[in-house]
N, C-alpha and C. Protein backbone atom coordinates (compact mmCIF):
# COMPACT_ATOMS: atom_id res chain seq x y z
N UNK A 1 27.07 -1.45 -1.35
CA UNK A 1 26.50 -0.95 -0.02
C UNK A 1 25.12 -0.19 -0.42
N UNK A 2 25.37 0.80 -1.26
CA UNK A 2 24.36 1.60 -1.86
C UNK A 2 23.19 0.91 -2.42
N UNK A 3 23.50 -0.14 -3.41
CA UNK A 3 22.44 -0.75 -4.01
C UNK A 3 21.67 -1.68 -2.91
N UNK A 4 22.30 -2.31 -1.83
CA UNK A 4 21.75 -3.15 -0.78
C UNK A 4 20.52 -2.27 -0.08
N UNK A 5 21.14 -0.94 0.14
CA UNK A 5 20.24 -0.03 0.93
C UNK A 5 18.91 0.43 0.12
N UNK A 6 18.96 0.78 -1.14
CA UNK A 6 18.11 1.02 -1.99
C UNK A 6 17.14 -0.22 -2.18
N UNK A 7 17.80 -1.39 -2.22
CA UNK A 7 16.81 -2.44 -2.44
C UNK A 7 16.07 -2.77 -1.17
N UNK A 8 16.74 -2.49 -0.03
CA UNK A 8 15.96 -2.86 1.22
C UNK A 8 14.96 -1.74 1.37
N UNK A 9 15.06 -0.46 1.02
CA UNK A 9 14.08 0.48 1.08
C UNK A 9 12.98 0.31 0.08
N UNK A 10 13.22 0.00 -1.10
CA UNK A 10 12.27 -0.49 -1.95
C UNK A 10 11.39 -1.45 -1.76
N UNK A 11 11.86 -2.41 -1.18
CA UNK A 11 11.04 -3.57 -0.55
C UNK A 11 10.19 -3.06 0.52
N UNK A 12 10.91 -2.30 1.41
CA UNK A 12 9.97 -1.86 2.69
C UNK A 12 8.89 -0.89 2.08
N UNK A 13 9.26 -0.02 1.07
CA UNK A 13 8.27 0.89 0.59
C UNK A 13 7.10 0.06 -0.07
N UNK A 14 7.41 -0.83 -0.81
CA UNK A 14 6.48 -1.84 -1.72
C UNK A 14 5.51 -2.51 -0.60
N UNK A 15 6.16 -2.99 0.40
CA UNK A 15 5.18 -3.72 1.42
C UNK A 15 4.29 -2.61 2.24
N UNK A 16 4.85 -1.48 2.35
CA UNK A 16 3.83 -0.40 3.01
C UNK A 16 2.78 -0.01 2.08
N UNK A 17 3.04 0.15 0.78
CA UNK A 17 2.10 0.37 -0.14
C UNK A 17 1.15 -0.64 -0.25
N UNK A 18 1.32 -1.93 -0.24
CA UNK A 18 0.61 -3.05 -0.29
C UNK A 18 -0.27 -2.93 0.89
N UNK A 19 0.13 -2.73 2.23
CA UNK A 19 -0.70 -2.68 3.23
C UNK A 19 -1.73 -1.45 3.25
N UNK A 20 -1.36 -0.48 2.69
CA UNK A 20 -2.18 0.82 2.70
C UNK A 20 -3.23 0.30 1.69
N UNK A 21 -2.95 -0.25 0.50
CA UNK A 21 -3.97 -0.44 -0.39
C UNK A 21 -4.91 -1.48 0.16
N UNK A 22 -4.45 -2.57 0.87
CA UNK A 22 -5.30 -3.50 1.52
C UNK A 22 -6.24 -3.09 2.56
N UNK A 23 -5.85 -1.91 3.24
CA UNK A 23 -6.51 -1.33 4.28
C UNK A 23 -7.50 -0.31 3.71
N UNK A 24 -7.26 0.48 2.46
CA UNK A 24 -8.03 1.45 2.17
C UNK A 24 -9.07 0.95 0.98
N UNK A 25 -8.79 -0.32 0.21
CA UNK A 25 -9.76 -0.69 -0.77
C UNK A 25 -11.03 -0.97 -0.02
N UNK A 26 -11.29 -1.81 0.90
CA UNK A 26 -12.52 -2.18 1.54
C UNK A 26 -13.27 -0.78 1.83
N UNK A 27 -12.56 0.20 2.35
CA UNK A 27 -13.15 1.72 2.68
C UNK A 27 -13.89 2.24 1.30
N UNK A 28 -12.96 2.20 0.35
CA UNK A 28 -13.44 2.79 -0.87
C UNK A 28 -14.54 2.09 -1.29
N UNK A 29 -14.66 0.78 -1.18
CA UNK A 29 -15.84 -0.12 -1.68
C UNK A 29 -17.08 0.25 -0.88
N UNK A 30 -16.96 0.40 0.38
CA UNK A 30 -18.00 0.81 1.25
C UNK A 30 -18.66 2.02 0.88
N UNK A 31 -17.67 2.87 0.72
CA UNK A 31 -18.01 4.40 0.49
C UNK A 31 -18.96 4.46 -0.88
N UNK A 32 -18.47 3.59 -1.90
CA UNK A 32 -18.97 3.60 -3.20
C UNK A 32 -20.39 3.04 -2.97
N UNK A 33 -20.64 1.81 -2.26
CA UNK A 33 -21.89 1.46 -2.24
C UNK A 33 -22.94 2.12 -1.14
N UNK A 34 -22.28 2.78 -0.19
CA UNK A 34 -23.18 3.83 0.46
C UNK A 34 -23.63 5.01 -0.20
N UNK A 35 -22.66 5.33 -1.25
CA UNK A 35 -23.03 6.50 -2.09
C UNK A 35 -24.42 6.16 -2.98
N UNK A 36 -24.41 5.04 -3.25
CA UNK A 36 -25.52 4.33 -4.26
C UNK A 36 -26.76 4.31 -3.36
């Protein structure tokens, strides 16, 4: 039961991190281009 919970949280966290990276990556690129 504990392993299942950890696995579910791990997948959920991984999905959230991927979503955050997808959202922030273009922002960082735009800021870098504007900086130049």
